[in-house]
């Protein structure tokens, strides 16, 4: 049975919801970054407000059966960049993340890059499965990065 995900742009009223999801993501991601919470008990994210100000930054929420399932931050440009991508643990391993990623790619056709930290091998495996077109992989001091192009005609579902 296929899991259905809806990718929706996060409008300003959704900003506090996205901040809360970002905290879950940052907590999980801290195993790779060694980031600590601040004195207020939250993880800092300096460019968070820019996703509702800058025209080239796009916040998205993922929903499954009307329930929150994750989020993404996309930085559009040449190439587009998947700045952050998070699926709540409950919704992993069922195709929801792959489908959300492919919807995001289709919303922003053109050149893309998706980056991971070297230690986050699960993320790299996820992106290898989720990028729907052939890609080039470059590895540098920061980790692997997949480079690819999504045509405006859409993405075929294998």
Protein backbone atom coordinates (compact mmCIF):
# COMPACT_ATOMS: atom_id res chain seq x y z
CA UNK A 1 0.00 0.00 0.00
CA UNK A 2 1.40 3.37 -1.02
CA UNK A 3 1.71 6.13 1.57
CA UNK A 4 0.30 9.44 0.38
CA UNK A 5 2.10 12.64 1.32
CA UNK A 6 1.01 16.18 0.67
CA UNK A 7 3.72 18.81 0.33
CA UNK A 8 2.40 22.28 1.14
CA UNK A 9 4.11 25.63 1.29
CA UNK A 10 4.45 26.77 4.90
CA UNK A 11 2.73 30.14 5.14
CA UNK A 12 3.48 32.63 7.92
CA UNK A 13 0.77 31.25 10.30
CA UNK A 14 2.59 27.89 10.15
CA UNK A 15 5.90 29.39 11.27
CA UNK A 16 5.58 28.30 14.96
CA UNK A 17 4.66 24.77 13.86
CA UNK A 18 7.69 24.59 11.60
CA UNK A 19 9.91 25.91 14.42
CA UNK A 20 8.71 23.03 16.62
CA UNK A 21 9.44 20.46 13.91
CA UNK A 22 12.83 22.07 13.34
CA UNK A 23 13.63 21.44 17.00
CA UNK A 24 12.91 17.71 16.59
CA UNK A 25 15.12 17.66 13.49
CA UNK A 26 17.94 19.58 15.19
CA UNK A 27 17.83 17.27 18.19
CA UNK A 28 18.13 14.21 15.97
CA UNK A 29 20.78 15.84 13.78
CA UNK A 30 22.89 16.90 16.77
CA UNK A 31 24.43 13.41 16.80
CA UNK A 32 26.33 14.52 13.69
CA UNK A 33 26.95 18.18 14.56
CA UNK A 34 27.50 17.99 18.33
CA UNK A 35 25.31 21.11 18.60
CA UNK A 36 23.95 21.91 22.05
CA UNK A 37 20.69 23.60 22.94
CA UNK A 38 20.84 27.22 24.01
CA UNK A 39 19.94 28.53 27.44
CA UNK A 40 16.31 28.75 26.31
CA UNK A 41 16.28 24.99 25.63
CA UNK A 42 16.08 25.28 21.84
CA UNK A 43 18.50 24.75 19.00
CA UNK A 44 19.55 27.87 17.11
CA UNK A 45 18.83 28.18 13.40
CA UNK A 46 20.06 31.58 12.29
CA UNK A 47 18.37 31.70 8.87
CA UNK A 48 14.95 30.47 10.06
CA UNK A 49 13.17 33.85 9.71
CA UNK A 50 14.61 34.30 6.22
CA UNK A 51 12.38 31.52 4.90
CA UNK A 52 9.44 33.92 5.19
CA UNK A 53 11.34 36.98 3.94
CA UNK A 54 13.74 35.98 1.14
CA UNK A 55 12.22 35.15 -2.25
CA UNK A 56 14.77 32.37 -2.85
CA UNK A 57 13.96 30.43 0.35
CA UNK A 58 10.98 28.12 0.52
CA UNK A 59 9.62 26.37 3.64
CA UNK A 60 7.40 23.31 3.19
CA UNK A 61 5.38 21.08 5.47
CA UNK A 62 4.60 17.43 4.79
CA UNK A 63 1.27 15.95 5.77
CA UNK A 64 0.00 12.39 5.79
CA UNK A 65 -3.72 11.89 6.49
CA UNK A 66 -3.82 15.57 7.56
CA UNK A 67 -1.16 14.92 10.21
CA UNK A 68 2.23 16.58 10.21
CA UNK A 69 4.88 14.19 8.93
CA UNK A 70 7.90 16.43 8.29
CA UNK A 71 9.24 19.51 6.57
CA UNK A 72 11.82 20.81 4.11
CA UNK A 73 13.67 24.04 3.47
CA UNK A 74 14.55 24.62 -0.18
CA UNK A 75 16.94 27.32 -1.30
CA UNK A 76 16.19 28.07 -4.96
CA UNK A 77 18.88 29.15 -7.37
CA UNK A 78 21.44 27.57 -9.66
CA UNK A 79 21.49 24.94 -8.38
CA UNK A 80 18.48 24.57 -6.11
CA UNK A 81 19.57 23.27 -2.71
CA UNK A 82 17.75 20.98 -0.30
CA UNK A 83 18.84 22.96 2.75
CA UNK A 84 16.95 20.79 5.26
CA UNK A 85 14.75 17.73 4.91
CA UNK A 86 13.06 15.91 7.79
CA UNK A 87 10.61 13.04 8.06
CA UNK A 88 9.36 12.14 11.51
CA UNK A 89 10.46 8.64 12.54
CA UNK A 90 6.91 7.31 12.55
CA UNK A 91 6.66 7.96 8.80
CA UNK A 92 10.04 6.63 7.66
CA UNK A 93 10.63 3.46 5.64
CA UNK A 94 7.28 3.60 3.83
CA UNK A 95 8.07 5.78 0.83
CA UNK A 96 6.68 9.01 2.27
CA UNK A 97 10.09 10.72 2.31
CA UNK A 98 10.90 9.66 -1.23
CA UNK A 99 7.54 10.92 -2.46
CA UNK A 100 7.93 14.23 -0.60
CA UNK A 101 11.41 14.73 -2.06
CA UNK A 102 10.19 14.04 -5.58
CA UNK A 103 7.31 16.48 -5.17
CA UNK A 104 9.78 19.14 -4.06
CA UNK A 105 12.02 18.44 -7.05
CA UNK A 106 9.02 18.81 -9.38
CA UNK A 107 8.04 22.12 -7.75
CA UNK A 108 11.50 23.51 -8.55
CA UNK A 109 12.64 22.17 -11.93
CA UNK A 110 16.23 22.80 -12.97
CA UNK A 111 19.64 22.03 -11.53
CA UNK A 112 19.72 20.60 -7.98
CA UNK A 113 22.17 19.67 -5.28
CA UNK A 114 21.47 17.57 -2.21
CA UNK A 115 24.15 17.50 0.50
CA UNK A 116 24.86 15.19 3.43
CA UNK A 117 27.45 15.00 6.16
CA UNK A 118 29.91 12.12 5.73
CA UNK A 119 28.83 10.48 8.99
CA UNK A 120 25.15 10.51 7.98
CA UNK A 121 25.29 7.42 5.80
CA UNK A 122 21.55 6.74 6.18
CA UNK A 123 20.78 10.11 4.61
CA UNK A 124 23.11 9.38 1.70
CA UNK A 125 21.41 6.01 1.13
CA UNK A 126 18.00 7.75 1.27
CA UNK A 127 18.98 10.30 -1.37
CA UNK A 128 20.47 7.62 -3.62
CA UNK A 129 17.04 5.93 -3.60
CA UNK A 130 15.00 9.13 -3.82
CA UNK A 131 16.62 11.14 -6.61
CA UNK A 132 14.54 10.08 -9.63
CA UNK A 133 17.11 10.81 -12.33
CA UNK A 134 20.77 9.95 -12.90
CA UNK A 135 23.04 12.07 -10.71
CA UNK A 136 26.69 12.87 -10.25
CA UNK A 137 28.10 12.48 -6.76
CA UNK A 138 30.91 14.70 -5.52
CA UNK A 139 32.58 14.08 -2.18
CA UNK A 140 34.55 16.82 -0.46
CA UNK A 141 35.58 17.67 3.12
CA UNK A 142 31.93 18.37 4.03
CA UNK A 143 30.58 15.07 2.70
CA UNK A 144 28.76 13.72 -0.34
CA UNK A 145 26.73 15.94 -2.64
CA UNK A 146 24.48 14.74 -5.45
CA UNK A 147 24.13 16.96 -8.52
CA UNK A 148 21.30 16.42 -10.99
CA UNK A 149 18.71 18.13 -13.17
CA UNK A 150 14.93 17.91 -13.03
CA UNK A 151 13.17 18.78 -16.25
CA UNK A 152 9.99 20.87 -16.08
CA UNK A 153 8.02 18.09 -17.73
CA UNK A 154 7.75 16.31 -14.41
CA UNK A 155 9.04 13.24 -12.70
CA UNK A 156 8.03 9.77 -13.65
CA UNK A 157 7.22 7.42 -10.83
CA UNK A 158 9.16 4.16 -11.25
